[in-house]
Amino acid sequence: MTKPVLIGVFFFYCIGAFLCGPTSAQFYFPNENADVPNFGRCITPNRERALCLILDDCKYLFNLLLQTPLLDSDRLYLSRSQCGYQNGKVLICCPDRYRDYINVPSTNPTTTKPPPVAPSNLLPQPGQCGNVLANRIYGGNVTKIDEFPWMALIEYTKPNGNKGHHCGGSLINSRYVITASHCVNGPAIPVDWRLTGVRLGEWDTRTNPDCEVDVRGEKDCAPTHQDVAVERAISHPGYEPNSKSQANDLALLRLGRNVQYTDFIRPICLPSSSNLRSAEFDGIVMDVAGWGRTETEAASALKLKAEVEGVPLEKCYEKYATQNIFLQSTQMCAGGKAGVDSCRGDSGGPLVSLDNSKKALSYYFLAGVVSFGPTPCGLEGWPGVYTRIGGFVDWIGTTIQP
């Protein structure tokens, strides 16, 4: 194999646990006709089919790594593109076109897209929501203290006066949390439980305030979490609690007061553009998070996360149809790997995707809300089912009030 040419002299720095690169902005020019070894097929974070290559052999991403300064969106893309290791070298899911890693793929061009909708002035816009964390790339199953700051725990008051958190949700502006309808009036909620509040800014349910030790050995603490009363719970009018398909499984919780934003309490963006509203997410790697059940079937005190890949609705439809559950186009599926899916305690929690179509403004948006899945959760070959938020942007915009 012809060796690549490296221009310039540079030092190396790390942008993640294993992914390192030079600080120079010089570019790498491999021999285009070189016999580059590959280590199998993979799917890029932008759902393109690609090959798993040694990082040095992937022209586009190696050149991206050499850019100074490296944008946070590029940093995140590189981290999510890792597909393994070979003899101590990083393997990367290598796109075959430059546009692969700078654009979020649109749906099939023959797909009819809904007309663009004027965003509600009550909803935050990109730049004000869905913040992508700077300076660090996070891995593992436990979130960092300031990851996913839109996460909410739903509080229920029981007949004896005790309170408990049994569902999740997402803050979408200073006055509303979005969750699943089955968390409001689903058959699994005892009739004598009252949905009374939400908790925001939580990370570890055992401590208040929450603190973690950073890489420098210094303690990083969040402010005290905020417990906010729910003024009104609004289920989608098309939700039928006893339906096996759980279509329209979406609800809005109007809070009793405006929430004060902090670094640990921020809203998630909604998919307001027509491209994002009609996106299919097949093969897209997304994030799901919450305090729900783990593989040990015990609730977690710490906020957890998992990466799940979007599954074509047709494939998911066929799977669930064997159980006489017939999904609709306003639903979506993701996951299906053993022990990885979201579980019951995460019901109503967020499934988020990254929009990096504009490199200067990368942000997370709410792709789905956790609806239901197999029992036991995280069952191999059975994706989780989510309410697809793109199909409900109009309803959300016309339902929320100042």
Protein backbone atom coordinates (compact mmCIF):
# COMPACT_ATOMS: atom_id res chain seq x y z
CA MET A 1 0.00 0.00 0.00
CA THR A 2 1.33 3.44 -0.89
CA LYS A 3 2.01 5.41 2.25
CA PRO A 4 0.09 8.66 2.75
CA VAL A 5 1.93 11.95 2.65
CA LEU A 6 1.91 14.13 5.76
CA ILE A 7 2.60 17.81 5.23
CA GLY A 8 4.12 19.81 8.07
CA VAL A 9 5.36 19.06 11.57
CA PHE A 10 2.87 18.93 14.40
CA PHE A 11 2.15 17.73 17.92
CA PHE A 12 -0.74 15.50 18.98
CA TYR A 13 -3.63 16.24 21.31
CA CYS A 14 -6.63 14.15 22.36
CA ILE A 15 -10.26 15.04 21.71
CA GLY A 16 -11.67 12.00 23.44
CA ALA A 17 -10.63 8.94 25.36
CA PHE A 18 -8.89 7.37 22.35
CA LEU A 19 -9.27 9.69 19.38
CA CYS A 20 -6.23 11.93 19.00
CA GLY A 21 -4.90 14.16 16.26
CA PRO A 22 -2.37 16.80 15.31
CA THR A 23 -2.75 20.46 16.20
CA SER A 24 -1.51 21.52 12.77
CA ALA A 25 -4.05 22.52 10.12
CA GLN A 26 -2.08 20.75 7.38
CA PHE A 27 -3.98 18.21 5.28
CA TYR A 28 -3.41 14.57 4.52
CA PHE A 29 -3.40 13.40 0.91
CA PRO A 30 -3.53 9.61 0.55
CA ASN A 31 -3.06 7.85 -2.75
CA GLU A 32 -6.64 7.65 -4.07
CA ASN A 33 -5.86 4.30 -5.76
CA ALA A 34 -4.22 2.74 -2.72
CA ASP A 35 -5.40 -0.68 -1.65
CA VAL A 36 -6.82 0.42 1.70
CA PRO A 37 -7.74 -2.45 4.06
CA ASN A 38 -11.18 -2.28 5.61
CA PHE A 39 -12.66 -3.95 8.66
CA GLY A 40 -16.26 -4.43 7.61
CA ARG A 41 -19.26 -2.31 6.79
CA CYS A 42 -20.74 0.28 9.15
CA ILE A 43 -23.27 3.11 9.26
CA THR A 44 -22.11 6.67 9.85
CA PRO A 45 -23.86 8.95 12.36
CA ASN A 46 -25.60 10.49 9.35
CA ARG A 47 -26.98 7.05 8.36
CA GLU A 48 -24.75 6.61 5.29
CA ARG A 49 -23.42 3.13 4.58
CA ALA A 50 -19.65 3.16 4.82
CA LEU A 51 -16.53 1.10 5.53
CA CYS A 52 -14.70 0.78 8.82
CA LEU A 53 -11.13 1.98 8.16
CA ILE A 54 -8.04 2.91 10.14
CA LEU A 55 -8.36 6.62 10.83
CA ASP A 56 -5.19 7.44 8.85
CA ASP A 57 -6.75 5.85 5.76
CA CYS A 58 -9.94 7.95 5.87
CA LYS A 59 -9.09 11.10 3.94
CA TYR A 60 -12.10 13.22 4.81
CA LEU A 61 -12.25 12.57 8.53
CA PHE A 62 -8.48 12.73 8.96
CA ASN A 63 -8.50 16.13 7.26
CA LEU A 64 -11.40 17.16 9.46
CA LEU A 65 -9.41 16.17 12.52
CA LEU A 66 -6.54 18.41 11.40
CA GLN A 67 -8.67 21.54 11.34
CA THR A 68 -7.93 24.16 13.97
CA PRO A 69 -10.00 25.02 15.88
CA LEU A 70 -12.04 21.83 15.84
CA LEU A 71 -15.75 22.62 16.10
CA ASP A 72 -17.77 20.90 18.82
CA SER A 73 -20.09 19.39 16.21
CA ASP A 74 -17.10 17.88 14.36
CA ARG A 75 -15.67 16.64 17.65
CA LEU A 76 -18.94 14.86 18.42
CA TYR A 77 -19.21 13.44 14.88
CA LEU A 78 -15.67 12.01 15.08
CA SER A 79 -16.38 10.43 18.44
CA ARG A 80 -19.58 8.79 17.17
CA SER A 81 -17.85 7.59 14.01
CA GLN A 82 -15.47 5.28 15.87
CA CYS A 83 -16.14 1.67 14.91
CA GLY A 84 -13.45 -0.21 16.81
CA TYR A 85 -9.70 -0.69 17.19
CA GLN A 86 -7.09 -2.67 15.29
CA ASN A 87 -3.63 -3.24 16.74
CA GLY A 88 -4.04 -0.20 18.96
CA LYS A 89 -5.22 2.06 16.11
CA VAL A 90 -8.58 3.79 16.01
CA LEU A 91 -11.03 2.53 13.38
CA ILE A 92 -13.44 5.07 11.92
CA CYS A 93 -16.65 4.70 9.92
CA CYS A 94 -15.42 6.43 6.78
CA PRO A 95 -17.83 8.31 4.48
CA ASP A 96 -17.11 8.25 0.77
CA ARG A 97 -18.30 11.79 0.14
CA TYR A 98 -17.49 15.09 1.83
CA ARG A 99 -21.18 15.96 2.23
CA ASP A 100 -21.71 12.83 4.34
CA TYR A 101 -20.30 14.40 7.47
CA ILE A 102 -21.44 17.98 6.99
CA ASN A 103 -25.12 17.36 6.28
CA VAL A 104 -27.88 15.64 8.18
CA PRO A 105 -29.39 13.47 5.45
CA SER A 106 -32.83 14.43 4.27
CA THR A 107 -35.51 11.91 3.54
CA ASN A 108 -35.97 10.27 0.16
CA PRO A 109 -36.49 13.09 -2.36
CA THR A 110 -39.71 11.45 -3.54
CA THR A 111 -41.15 11.71 -0.03
CA THR A 112 -43.84 14.35 0.34
CA LYS A 113 -42.74 16.81 3.01
CA PRO A 114 -45.14 18.73 5.20
CA PRO A 115 -45.28 22.46 4.54
CA PRO A 116 -43.02 24.55 6.77
CA VAL A 117 -44.72 25.79 9.88
CA ALA A 118 -43.99 29.14 11.47
CA PRO A 119 -42.33 28.34 14.81
CA SER A 120 -44.32 29.22 17.90
CA ASN A 121 -42.87 32.27 19.61
CA LEU A 122 -43.29 30.36 22.84
CA LEU A 123 -40.75 27.70 21.81
CA PRO A 124 -36.98 28.28 21.90
CA GLN A 125 -35.08 28.14 18.62
CA PRO A 126 -31.67 26.55 17.87
CA GLY A 127 -29.05 28.47 19.77
CA GLN A 128 -31.41 28.68 22.75
CA CYS A 129 -32.05 24.95 23.19
CA GLY A 130 -30.55 21.50 22.66
CA ASN A 131 -27.12 22.64 23.75
CA VAL A 132 -24.17 20.49 22.65
CA LEU A 133 -21.59 20.41 25.41
CA ALA A 134 -18.28 22.05 24.63
CA ASN A 135 -14.73 20.89 25.42
CA ARG A 136 -15.50 17.27 26.20
CA ILE A 137 -16.63 14.10 24.49
CA TYR A 138 -18.60 11.83 26.78
CA GLY A 139 -18.69 8.08 26.60
CA GLY A 140 -19.93 5.27 28.80
CA ASN A 141 -23.34 4.54 30.23
CA VAL A 142 -23.47 7.09 33.06
CA THR A 143 -24.05 10.68 32.00
CA LYS A 144 -21.92 13.56 33.14
CA ILE A 145 -23.51 15.95 35.58
CA ASP A 146 -24.46 18.49 32.90
CA GLU A 147 -25.46 16.16 30.07
CA PHE A 148 -29.03 16.24 28.75
CA PRO A 149 -30.09 19.24 30.89
CA TRP A 150 -33.67 19.05 29.54
CA MET A 151 -34.36 15.78 31.38
CA ALA A 152 -37.23 15.78 33.87
CA LEU A 153 -38.52 13.29 36.42
CA ILE A 154 -42.30 13.07 36.75
CA GLU A 155 -43.58 13.12 40.33
CA TYR A 156 -46.65 11.28 41.58
CA THR A 157 -48.32 11.73 44.96
CA LYS A 158 -49.78 8.54 46.42
CA PRO A 159 -52.74 8.10 48.84
CA ASN A 160 -50.49 7.98 51.90
CA GLY A 161 -48.88 11.29 50.92
CA ASN A 162 -45.63 9.74 49.76
CA LYS A 163 -44.15 10.97 46.51
CA GLY A 164 -42.29 9.00 43.84
CA HIS A 165 -40.83 9.46 40.38
CA HIS A 166 -42.10 6.90 37.87
CA CYS A 167 -41.77 8.51 34.42
CA GLY A 168 -39.48 10.85 32.55
CA GLY A 169 -39.99 13.90 30.38
CA SER A 170 -38.24 16.77 28.61
CA LEU A 171 -38.34 20.51 29.18
CA ILE A 172 -39.37 22.27 25.93
CA ASN A 173 -39.66 25.83 27.26
CA SER A 174 -39.75 27.58 30.61
CA ARG A 175 -43.35 26.52 31.26
CA TYR A 176 -43.85 23.09 29.63
CA VAL A 177 -42.53 19.55 29.93
CA ILE A 178 -43.37 16.96 27.28
CA THR A 179 -43.89 13.32 28.21
CA ALA A 180 -45.96 10.28 27.21
CA SER A 181 -49.75 10.19 27.59
CA HIS A 182 -49.51 6.80 29.26
CA CYS A 183 -47.66 8.57 32.09
CA VAL A 184 -50.72 10.79 32.58
CA ASN A 185 -53.69 8.47 32.16
CA GLY A 186 -52.29 5.14 31.04
CA PRO A 187 -53.61 1.84 32.41
CA ALA A 188 -50.41 1.20 34.40
CA ILE A 189 -50.87 4.37 36.51
CA PRO A 190 -52.97 3.54 39.63
CA VAL A 191 -56.17 5.54 39.73
CA ASP A 192 -55.35 6.90 43.18
CA TRP A 193 -51.98 8.35 42.11
CA ARG A 194 -51.93 12.05 41.26
CA LEU A 195 -49.37 13.56 38.87
CA THR A 196 -48.31 16.56 40.93
CA GLY A 197 -44.89 17.80 39.84
CA VAL A 198 -41.64 17.51 37.92
CA ARG A 199 -38.05 17.58 39.05
CA LEU A 200 -35.47 19.41 36.90
CA GLY A 201 -31.71 19.65 37.22
CA GLU A 202 -31.41 16.17 38.73
CA TRP A 203 -28.45 13.85 38.18
CA ASP A 204 -28.03 11.61 41.25
CA THR A 205 -31.26 11.04 43.15
CA ARG A 206 -29.29 10.14 46.30
CA THR A 207 -27.65 13.54 46.73
CA ASN A 208 -28.63 17.21 46.71
CA PRO A 209 -26.77 19.12 45.49
CA ASP A 210 -25.11 16.80 42.99
CA CYS A 211 -21.34 16.86 42.57
CA GLU A 212 -18.79 15.00 40.47
CA VAL A 213 -15.01 15.10 40.28
CA ASP A 214 -13.67 16.30 36.91
CA VAL A 215 -10.56 15.11 35.07
CA ARG A 216 -8.42 17.59 36.99
CA GLY A 217 -9.55 16.17 40.32
CA GLU A 218 -11.69 19.22 41.08
CA LYS A 219 -15.26 18.97 42.36
CA ASP A 220 -17.95 20.19 39.96
CA CYS A 221 -21.29 20.80 41.67
CA ALA A 222 -24.70 21.67 40.27
CA PRO A 223 -27.20 23.94 42.02
CA THR A 224 -29.97 22.32 44.02
CA HIS A 225 -32.51 20.63 41.75
CA GLN A 226 -35.83 22.36 41.13
CA ASP A 227 -39.12 20.70 42.10
CA VAL A 228 -41.94 22.41 40.22
CA ALA A 229 -45.67 21.81 40.60
CA VAL A 230 -47.71 20.75 37.57
CA GLU A 231 -50.62 23.09 36.92
CA ARG A 232 -52.25 21.01 34.20
CA ALA A 233 -51.61 17.74 32.34
CA ILE A 234 -52.76 17.72 28.70
CA SER A 235 -52.96 14.36 26.95
CA HIS A 236 -53.14 14.27 23.17
CA PRO A 237 -56.85 13.99 22.26
CA GLY A 238 -56.18 11.02 19.97
CA TYR A 239 -54.60 8.87 22.70
CA GLU A 240 -56.52 5.76 23.72
CA PRO A 241 -55.14 4.29 26.97
CA ASN A 242 -56.20 0.72 26.21
CA SER A 243 -54.97 0.66 22.61
CA LYS A 244 -52.28 -1.94 22.00
CA SER A 245 -50.49 0.32 19.51
CA GLN A 246 -50.39 3.27 21.94
CA ALA A 247 -50.67 5.74 19.04
CA ASN A 248 -50.58 9.47 19.91
CA ASP A 249 -48.79 8.64 23.16
CA LEU A 250 -47.88 12.23 23.96
CA ALA A 251 -48.76 14.72 26.70
CA LEU A 252 -47.81 18.23 27.77
CA LEU A 253 -47.37 19.24 31.39
CA ARG A 254 -47.94 22.93 32.09
CA LEU A 255 -45.86 23.97 35.07
CA GLY A 256 -47.10 26.15 37.90
CA ARG A 257 -44.35 28.71 37.34
CA ASN A 258 -41.64 29.65 34.88
CA VAL A 259 -38.45 27.65 35.29
CA GLN A 260 -35.16 29.45 35.76
CA TYR A 261 -32.60 28.15 33.30
CA THR A 262 -29.12 27.18 34.49
CA ASP A 263 -26.22 25.21 32.97
CA PHE A 264 -28.02 22.14 34.33
CA ILE A 265 -31.58 23.05 33.31
CA ARG A 266 -32.06 23.88 29.63
CA PRO A 267 -34.81 23.11 27.08
CA ILE A 268 -34.55 20.66 24.18
CA CYS A 269 -35.30 21.90 20.66
CA LEU A 270 -38.22 20.54 18.66
CA PRO A 271 -37.86 19.50 14.98
CA SER A 272 -39.37 22.67 13.51
CA SER A 273 -37.91 22.52 9.97
CA SER A 274 -39.75 20.48 7.34
CA ASN A 275 -36.67 18.28 6.77
CA LEU A 276 -36.41 17.30 10.41
CA ARG A 277 -40.17 16.90 10.83
CA SER A 278 -40.32 14.35 8.01
CA ALA A 279 -37.01 12.59 8.73
CA GLU A 280 -37.17 8.79 8.98
CA PHE A 281 -34.03 8.28 11.15
CA ASP A 282 -33.31 4.86 9.64
CA GLY A 283 -29.80 3.92 10.70
CA ILE A 284 -29.27 7.22 12.56
CA VAL A 285 -27.55 6.83 15.93
CA MET A 286 -29.52 8.68 18.62
CA ASP A 287 -29.34 9.07 22.39
CA VAL A 288 -31.85 7.94 24.97
CA ALA A 289 -31.41 8.81 28.64
CA GLY A 290 -33.11 8.44 32.00
CA TRP A 291 -33.09 6.90 35.46
CA GLY A 292 -35.06 3.81 34.45
CA ARG A 293 -34.53 0.13 34.81
CA THR A 294 -31.15 -1.30 33.96
CA GLU A 295 -30.27 -4.85 32.94
CA THR A 296 -30.41 -5.75 36.66
CA GLU A 297 -34.05 -4.58 36.74
CA ALA A 298 -33.28 -2.07 39.50
CA ALA A 299 -33.97 1.63 39.16
CA SER A 300 -30.83 3.71 38.74
CA ALA A 301 -29.99 6.59 41.07
CA LEU A 302 -27.79 8.13 38.37
CA LYS A 303 -28.95 9.52 35.05
CA LEU A 304 -27.99 6.94 32.42
CA LYS A 305 -27.69 7.10 28.64
CA ALA A 306 -27.51 4.72 25.73
CA GLU A 307 -26.96 5.04 21.99
CA VAL A 308 -29.69 3.45 19.88
CA GLU A 309 -29.93 3.19 16.12
CA GLY A 310 -33.08 4.04 14.23
CA VAL A 311 -34.90 1.05 12.71
CA PRO A 312 -37.04 1.33 9.54
CA LEU A 313 -40.70 1.55 10.52
CA GLU A 314 -41.63 -1.15 7.99
CA LYS A 315 -39.28 -3.62 9.66
CA CYS A 316 -40.51 -2.66 13.11
CA TYR A 317 -44.15 -2.83 11.96
CA GLU A 318 -43.67 -6.41 10.77
CA LYS A 319 -42.06 -7.38 14.08
CA TYR A 320 -44.82 -5.99 16.29
CA ALA A 321 -47.59 -7.14 13.96
CA THR A 322 -46.74 -10.69 15.04
CA GLN A 323 -48.10 -9.63 18.45
CA ASN A 324 -51.17 -7.96 16.94
CA ILE A 325 -49.69 -4.51 17.59
CA PHE A 326 -50.00 -2.33 14.49
CA LEU A 327 -47.83 0.76 14.49
CA GLN A 328 -48.63 4.04 12.75
CA SER A 329 -46.57 6.58 10.79
CA THR A 330 -46.54 8.90 13.82
CA GLN A 331 -44.42 6.32 15.64
CA MET A 332 -40.78 5.37 15.20
CA CYS A 333 -38.49 2.58 16.35
CA ALA A 334 -34.93 2.45 17.60
CA GLY A 335 -32.63 0.01 19.32
CA GLY A 336 -33.14 -3.72 19.59
CA LYS A 337 -29.75 -4.66 21.03
CA ALA A 338 -29.75 -6.81 24.14
CA GLY A 339 -29.62 -4.80 27.36
CA VAL A 340 -29.28 -1.42 25.65
CA ASP A 341 -32.84 -0.15 25.11
CA SER A 342 -34.68 2.26 27.34
CA CYS A 343 -36.82 0.58 29.98
CA ARG A 344 -40.06 1.23 31.82
CA GLY A 345 -38.70 3.82 34.22
CA ASP A 346 -37.76 5.93 31.22
CA SER A 347 -41.33 6.07 29.90
CA GLY A 348 -42.01 9.50 28.49
CA GLY A 349 -38.31 10.32 28.34
CA PRO A 350 -36.48 11.77 25.33
CA LEU A 351 -34.91 10.21 22.27
CA VAL A 352 -32.67 12.95 20.86
CA SER A 353 -30.79 13.37 17.60
CA LEU A 354 -28.06 15.77 16.58
CA ASP A 355 -28.63 18.32 13.81
CA ASN A 356 -25.25 19.39 12.47
CA SER A 357 -26.45 20.60 9.08
CA LYS A 358 -25.08 24.02 9.97
CA LYS A 359 -21.58 23.48 11.29
CA ALA A 360 -21.55 26.78 13.16
CA LEU A 361 -24.72 25.82 15.04
CA SER A 362 -25.00 22.19 16.07
CA TYR A 363 -27.80 21.25 18.44
CA TYR A 364 -29.89 18.36 19.74
CA PHE A 365 -33.57 18.08 18.94
CA LEU A 366 -36.30 15.83 20.28
CA ALA A 367 -36.82 13.04 17.77
CA GLY A 368 -39.06 10.82 19.88
CA VAL A 369 -40.64 10.17 23.26
CA VAL A 370 -40.31 6.74 24.85
CA SER A 371 -43.61 4.90 24.47
CA PHE A 372 -43.29 1.12 24.91
CA GLY A 373 -41.18 -1.92 24.15
CA PRO A 374 -40.80 -5.60 24.89
CA THR A 375 -40.85 -7.21 28.32
CA PRO A 376 -38.21 -7.72 29.59
CA CYS A 377 -36.81 -4.48 28.26
CA GLY A 378 -33.68 -4.46 26.13
CA LEU A 379 -34.65 -7.69 24.37
CA GLU A 380 -32.49 -8.65 21.40
CA GLY A 381 -34.18 -8.05 18.06
CA TRP A 382 -37.08 -6.03 19.48
CA PRO A 383 -36.68 -2.27 18.98
CA GLY A 384 -38.28 0.19 21.37
CA VAL A 385 -41.27 2.17 20.10
CA TYR A 386 -41.30 5.95 20.36
CA THR A 387 -43.80 8.68 19.55
CA ARG A 388 -42.30 10.55 16.58
CA ILE A 389 -42.27 14.23 17.55
CA GLY A 390 -42.11 15.46 13.95
CA GLY A 391 -45.73 14.39 13.55
CA PHE A 392 -46.91 16.49 16.50
CA VAL A 393 -45.14 19.84 16.16
CA ASP A 394 -48.38 21.53 15.03
CA TRP A 395 -50.33 20.16 17.99
CA ILE A 396 -47.65 21.23 20.44
CA GLY A 397 -47.44 24.73 18.96
CA THR A 398 -51.19 25.29 19.10
CA THR A 399 -51.62 23.78 22.57
CA ILE A 400 -49.01 25.60 24.64
CA GLN A 401 -49.88 28.99 26.12
CA PRO A 402 -47.86 31.85 27.64
